Amino acid sequence: MDGYAELLLIGELDIAAAPILHATLERLVDEGHRDVYLNLSALTFLDVAGLRALTLARSRLGALGGSMSVTAVPSIPLRVLTMCGMLDALTAGDGSSTPESAAASSPETAAPV
């Protein structure tokens, strides 16, 4: 499948929600999506389990020639991503990664976490 997937994450990405996000991202990769965009505008909390889910997905997509990036990062997740040195790895470096830059057809929006 050519295309990208865009997910809107809502609420907390913590030890309880990370497995749900991981499973959703794995499903998207298995379906052939290689570019995934995560809209974090409604994310209120991010912990190490959430960071791990993001890192694993980014690594898997990268190994397949794809990418994963985040957009619309609110202050608390922004602080966590910045402190862990992951912000630049998950954005275009300026926090403005957008799905419109993908050379794909149509997005798939999965259930929010």
N, C-alpha and C. Protein backbone atom coordinates (compact mmCIF):
# COMPACT_ATOMS: atom_id res chain seq x y z
N MET A 1 0.85 -1.17 0.00
CA MET A 1 0.00 0.00 0.00
C MET A 1 0.89 1.23 0.00
N ASP A 2 0.64 2.12 -0.91
CA ASP A 2 1.32 3.41 -0.88
C ASP A 2 0.46 4.32 -0.04
N GLY A 3 1.09 5.23 0.63
CA GLY A 3 0.32 6.17 1.42
C GLY A 3 0.91 6.37 2.78
N TYR A 4 0.23 7.20 3.50
CA TYR A 4 0.68 7.48 4.84
C TYR A 4 -0.49 7.32 5.78
N ALA A 5 -0.16 7.22 7.04
CA ALA A 5 -1.19 7.16 8.08
C ALA A 5 -0.98 8.34 9.00
N GLU A 6 -2.06 8.93 9.42
CA GLU A 6 -2.01 10.03 10.37
C GLU A 6 -2.86 9.64 11.57
N LEU A 7 -2.26 9.71 12.75
CA LEU A 7 -2.95 9.35 13.97
C LEU A 7 -3.06 10.57 14.87
N LEU A 8 -4.20 10.73 15.51
CA LEU A 8 -4.39 11.77 16.51
C LEU A 8 -4.33 11.09 17.87
N LEU A 9 -3.35 11.47 18.69
CA LEU A 9 -3.23 10.91 20.02
C LEU A 9 -3.92 11.83 21.01
N ILE A 10 -4.81 11.25 21.83
CA ILE A 10 -5.60 12.02 22.77
C ILE A 10 -5.35 11.49 24.18
N GLY A 11 -5.10 12.39 25.12
CA GLY A 11 -4.95 12.00 26.52
C GLY A 11 -3.52 11.70 26.89
N GLU A 12 -3.31 10.61 27.58
CA GLU A 12 -2.00 10.26 28.11
C GLU A 12 -1.38 9.10 27.34
N LEU A 13 -0.13 9.26 26.98
CA LEU A 13 0.63 8.16 26.37
C LEU A 13 1.58 7.67 27.46
N ASP A 14 1.07 6.70 28.22
CA ASP A 14 1.78 6.19 29.38
C ASP A 14 1.84 4.67 29.32
N ILE A 15 2.19 4.05 30.42
CA ILE A 15 2.35 2.59 30.46
C ILE A 15 1.06 1.86 30.10
N ALA A 16 -0.08 2.47 30.36
CA ALA A 16 -1.36 1.84 30.02
C ALA A 16 -1.70 1.99 28.54
N ALA A 17 -1.37 3.14 27.95
CA ALA A 17 -1.74 3.41 26.57
C ALA A 17 -0.68 3.00 25.56
N ALA A 18 0.57 2.90 25.99
CA ALA A 18 1.67 2.60 25.06
C ALA A 18 1.45 1.29 24.29
N PRO A 19 0.99 0.21 24.93
CA PRO A 19 0.75 -1.02 24.17
C PRO A 19 -0.32 -0.86 23.09
N ILE A 20 -1.31 -0.01 23.33
CA ILE A 20 -2.35 0.24 22.34
C ILE A 20 -1.76 0.96 21.14
N LEU A 21 -0.94 1.98 21.41
CA LEU A 21 -0.28 2.70 20.31
C LEU A 21 0.65 1.76 19.56
N HIS A 22 1.43 0.97 20.29
CA HIS A 22 2.36 0.04 19.65
C HIS A 22 1.61 -0.92 18.72
N ALA A 23 0.52 -1.49 19.20
CA ALA A 23 -0.26 -2.43 18.38
C ALA A 23 -0.85 -1.73 17.16
N THR A 24 -1.32 -0.51 17.33
CA THR A 24 -1.87 0.25 16.20
C THR A 24 -0.80 0.53 15.16
N LEU A 25 0.37 0.96 15.62
CA LEU A 25 1.47 1.24 14.69
C LEU A 25 1.95 -0.03 13.99
N GLU A 26 2.01 -1.14 14.70
CA GLU A 26 2.41 -2.42 14.09
C GLU A 26 1.41 -2.82 13.00
N ARG A 27 0.12 -2.62 13.28
CA ARG A 27 -0.91 -2.95 12.30
C ARG A 27 -0.73 -2.11 11.04
N LEU A 28 -0.48 -0.82 11.23
CA LEU A 28 -0.28 0.06 10.08
C LEU A 28 0.92 -0.37 9.24
N VAL A 29 2.01 -0.73 9.90
CA VAL A 29 3.20 -1.20 9.18
C VAL A 29 2.87 -2.51 8.45
N ASP A 30 2.19 -3.41 9.13
CA ASP A 30 1.82 -4.69 8.49
C ASP A 30 0.91 -4.48 7.29
N GLU A 31 0.11 -3.41 7.31
CA GLU A 31 -0.77 -3.09 6.18
C GLU A 31 -0.03 -2.39 5.04
N GLY A 32 1.24 -2.07 5.27
CA GLY A 32 2.04 -1.48 4.21
C GLY A 32 2.32 0.00 4.33
N HIS A 33 1.83 0.63 5.37
CA HIS A 33 2.11 2.05 5.56
C HIS A 33 3.59 2.21 5.93
N ARG A 34 4.25 3.17 5.31
CA ARG A 34 5.66 3.38 5.59
C ARG A 34 5.94 4.78 6.14
N ASP A 35 4.98 5.66 6.06
CA ASP A 35 5.12 7.01 6.61
C ASP A 35 3.96 7.25 7.56
N VAL A 36 4.29 7.52 8.81
CA VAL A 36 3.28 7.71 9.84
C VAL A 36 3.49 9.07 10.49
N TYR A 37 2.40 9.81 10.61
CA TYR A 37 2.42 11.13 11.23
C TYR A 37 1.55 11.07 12.47
N LEU A 38 2.10 11.50 13.60
CA LEU A 38 1.36 11.51 14.85
C LEU A 38 1.04 12.95 15.23
N ASN A 39 -0.23 13.27 15.29
CA ASN A 39 -0.68 14.58 15.73
C ASN A 39 -0.81 14.50 17.25
N LEU A 40 0.02 15.25 17.94
CA LEU A 40 0.03 15.20 19.41
C LEU A 40 -0.71 16.37 20.05
N SER A 41 -1.49 17.10 19.27
CA SER A 41 -2.13 18.32 19.77
C SER A 41 -3.01 18.08 21.00
N ALA A 42 -3.55 16.88 21.16
CA ALA A 42 -4.42 16.59 22.30
C ALA A 42 -3.75 15.68 23.32
N LEU A 43 -2.43 15.49 23.20
CA LEU A 43 -1.70 14.65 24.16
C LEU A 43 -1.38 15.48 25.39
N THR A 44 -1.75 14.97 26.56
CA THR A 44 -1.56 15.72 27.81
C THR A 44 -0.41 15.20 28.65
N PHE A 45 0.08 13.99 28.37
CA PHE A 45 1.14 13.39 29.19
C PHE A 45 1.90 12.38 28.36
N LEU A 46 3.20 12.28 28.61
CA LEU A 46 4.06 11.34 27.90
C LEU A 46 5.09 10.83 28.89
N ASP A 47 5.17 9.49 29.05
CA ASP A 47 6.18 8.93 29.94
C ASP A 47 7.12 8.02 29.17
N VAL A 48 8.01 7.33 29.88
CA VAL A 48 9.04 6.52 29.23
C VAL A 48 8.44 5.37 28.42
N ALA A 49 7.32 4.82 28.84
CA ALA A 49 6.67 3.76 28.07
C ALA A 49 6.17 4.32 26.74
N GLY A 50 5.65 5.52 26.75
CA GLY A 50 5.22 6.17 25.51
C GLY A 50 6.41 6.48 24.62
N LEU A 51 7.50 6.95 25.21
CA LEU A 51 8.72 7.20 24.43
C LEU A 51 9.23 5.92 23.78
N ARG A 52 9.16 4.83 24.53
CA ARG A 52 9.61 3.54 23.99
C ARG A 52 8.76 3.14 22.79
N ALA A 53 7.46 3.30 22.88
CA ALA A 53 6.57 2.95 21.76
C ALA A 53 6.91 3.80 20.54
N LEU A 54 7.17 5.08 20.75
CA LEU A 54 7.54 5.96 19.64
C LEU A 54 8.88 5.54 19.03
N THR A 55 9.85 5.23 19.88
CA THR A 55 11.17 4.85 19.40
C THR A 55 11.14 3.53 18.63
N LEU A 56 10.41 2.54 19.15
CA LEU A 56 10.32 1.26 18.45
C LEU A 56 9.67 1.42 17.08
N ALA A 57 8.60 2.18 17.02
CA ALA A 57 7.90 2.39 15.74
C ALA A 57 8.80 3.14 14.76
N ARG A 58 9.48 4.16 15.23
CA ARG A 58 10.37 4.93 14.37
C ARG A 58 11.48 4.03 13.82
N SER A 59 12.05 3.19 14.66
CA SER A 59 13.11 2.28 14.23
C SER A 59 12.61 1.28 13.20
N ARG A 60 11.45 0.70 13.45
CA ARG A 60 10.91 -0.29 12.51
C ARG A 60 10.60 0.35 11.17
N LEU A 61 9.96 1.51 11.19
CA LEU A 61 9.64 2.20 9.94
C LEU A 61 10.92 2.61 9.20
N GLY A 62 11.91 3.08 9.93
CA GLY A 62 13.18 3.46 9.31
C GLY A 62 13.86 2.29 8.65
N ALA A 63 13.81 1.12 9.27
CA ALA A 63 14.42 -0.08 8.70
C ALA A 63 13.73 -0.50 7.41
N LEU A 64 12.47 -0.09 7.24
CA LEU A 64 11.70 -0.43 6.05
C LEU A 64 11.71 0.70 5.02
N GLY A 65 12.54 1.72 5.28
CA GLY A 65 12.62 2.85 4.36
C GLY A 65 11.55 3.90 4.57
N GLY A 66 10.85 3.81 5.69
CA GLY A 66 9.79 4.76 5.98
C GLY A 66 10.20 5.77 7.03
N SER A 67 9.20 6.46 7.57
CA SER A 67 9.49 7.47 8.59
C SER A 67 8.28 7.64 9.50
N MET A 68 8.56 8.20 10.65
CA MET A 68 7.51 8.57 11.58
C MET A 68 7.86 9.94 12.13
N SER A 69 6.89 10.82 12.17
CA SER A 69 7.14 12.14 12.75
C SER A 69 5.93 12.60 13.52
N VAL A 70 6.18 13.55 14.41
CA VAL A 70 5.12 14.11 15.23
C VAL A 70 4.88 15.56 14.82
N THR A 71 3.67 16.00 15.06
CA THR A 71 3.31 17.38 14.76
C THR A 71 2.42 17.91 15.87
N ALA A 72 2.33 19.22 15.97
CA ALA A 72 1.46 19.90 16.94
C ALA A 72 1.72 19.40 18.36
N VAL A 73 2.97 19.46 18.77
CA VAL A 73 3.38 18.95 20.07
C VAL A 73 3.09 19.98 21.16
N PRO A 74 2.20 19.65 22.13
CA PRO A 74 1.91 20.58 23.21
C PRO A 74 3.06 20.65 24.23
N SER A 75 2.96 21.56 25.17
CA SER A 75 4.08 21.89 26.05
C SER A 75 4.63 20.72 26.88
N ILE A 76 3.80 19.93 27.51
CA ILE A 76 4.31 18.86 28.36
C ILE A 76 5.02 17.78 27.54
N PRO A 77 4.39 17.22 26.49
CA PRO A 77 5.13 16.26 25.67
C PRO A 77 6.36 16.90 25.00
N LEU A 78 6.26 18.17 24.63
CA LEU A 78 7.40 18.87 24.04
C LEU A 78 8.58 18.88 25.00
N ARG A 79 8.30 19.17 26.23
CA ARG A 79 9.37 19.20 27.24
C ARG A 79 10.01 17.82 27.39
N VAL A 80 9.21 16.77 27.45
CA VAL A 80 9.73 15.41 27.59
C VAL A 80 10.59 15.04 26.37
N LEU A 81 10.07 15.28 25.18
CA LEU A 81 10.81 14.95 23.96
C LEU A 81 12.12 15.75 23.86
N THR A 82 12.08 16.99 24.29
CA THR A 82 13.28 17.83 24.26
C THR A 82 14.31 17.34 25.27
N MET A 83 13.87 17.06 26.50
CA MET A 83 14.78 16.59 27.54
C MET A 83 15.43 15.26 27.18
N CYS A 84 14.72 14.42 26.45
CA CYS A 84 15.25 13.11 26.06
C CYS A 84 16.02 13.16 24.75
N GLY A 85 16.07 14.32 24.14
CA GLY A 85 16.80 14.47 22.88
C GLY A 85 16.12 13.81 21.70
N MET A 86 14.82 13.63 21.77
CA MET A 86 14.09 12.94 20.70
C MET A 86 13.32 13.87 19.78
N LEU A 87 13.21 15.13 20.14
CA LEU A 87 12.38 16.04 19.36
C LEU A 87 12.85 16.14 17.91
N ASP A 88 14.13 16.38 17.70
CA ASP A 88 14.65 16.51 16.34
C ASP A 88 14.51 15.22 15.55
N ALA A 89 14.62 14.09 16.23
CA ALA A 89 14.50 12.79 15.55
C ALA A 89 13.08 12.53 15.08
N LEU A 90 12.10 13.13 15.75
CA LEU A 90 10.70 12.87 15.42
C LEU A 90 10.02 14.01 14.67
N THR A 91 10.76 15.08 14.40
CA THR A 91 10.19 16.20 13.65
C THR A 91 11.18 16.60 12.57
N ALA A 92 10.79 17.58 11.81
CA ALA A 92 11.68 18.11 10.79
C ALA A 92 12.75 18.98 11.41
N GLY A 93 12.82 18.99 12.74
CA GLY A 93 13.78 19.81 13.44
C GLY A 93 13.17 21.11 13.94
N ASP A 94 12.01 21.48 13.38
CA ASP A 94 11.36 22.71 13.80
C ASP A 94 9.95 22.44 14.34
N GLY A 95 9.60 21.15 14.50
CA GLY A 95 8.29 20.80 15.02
C GLY A 95 7.17 20.94 14.02
N SER A 96 7.51 21.14 12.74
CA SER A 96 6.46 21.43 11.77
C SER A 96 6.22 20.29 10.78
N SER A 97 6.60 19.08 11.11
CA SER A 97 6.35 17.96 10.21
C SER A 97 4.87 17.86 9.92
N THR A 98 4.54 17.67 8.65
CA THR A 98 3.14 17.57 8.27
C THR A 98 2.95 16.45 7.27
N PRO A 99 1.79 15.82 7.28
CA PRO A 99 1.53 14.76 6.33
C PRO A 99 1.46 15.27 4.90
N GLU A 100 1.22 16.54 4.72
CA GLU A 100 1.13 17.08 3.37
C GLU A 100 2.44 16.93 2.61
N SER A 101 3.54 16.74 3.35
CA SER A 101 4.84 16.60 2.69
C SER A 101 5.07 15.18 2.19
N ALA A 102 4.17 14.28 2.53
CA ALA A 102 4.32 12.90 2.06
C ALA A 102 3.93 12.80 0.59
N ALA A 103 4.58 11.90 -0.10
CA ALA A 103 4.29 11.71 -1.52
C ALA A 103 3.31 10.56 -1.68
N ALA A 104 2.31 10.51 -0.83
CA ALA A 104 1.40 9.39 -0.81
C ALA A 104 -0.02 9.82 -1.12
N SER A 105 -0.89 8.84 -1.22
CA SER A 105 -2.26 9.12 -1.62
C SER A 105 -3.11 9.65 -0.47
N SER A 106 -3.73 8.77 0.30
CA SER A 106 -4.66 9.25 1.30
C SER A 106 -4.31 8.73 2.69
N PRO A 107 -4.59 9.52 3.71
CA PRO A 107 -4.25 9.10 5.07
C PRO A 107 -5.27 8.13 5.64
N GLU A 108 -4.81 7.37 6.61
CA GLU A 108 -5.70 6.54 7.41
C GLU A 108 -5.64 7.07 8.81
N THR A 109 -6.77 7.31 9.41
CA THR A 109 -6.80 7.81 10.78
C THR A 109 -7.27 6.69 11.68
N ALA A 110 -6.42 6.27 12.59
CA ALA A 110 -6.76 5.20 13.52
C ALA A 110 -7.37 5.78 14.78
N ALA A 111 -7.90 4.90 15.61
CA ALA A 111 -8.50 5.34 16.86
C ALA A 111 -7.46 6.01 17.74
N PRO A 112 -7.82 7.12 18.36
CA PRO A 112 -6.88 7.81 19.25
C PRO A 112 -6.52 6.97 20.43
N VAL A 113 -5.34 7.22 20.98
CA VAL A 113 -4.89 6.53 22.20
C VAL A 113 -5.35 7.32 23.38
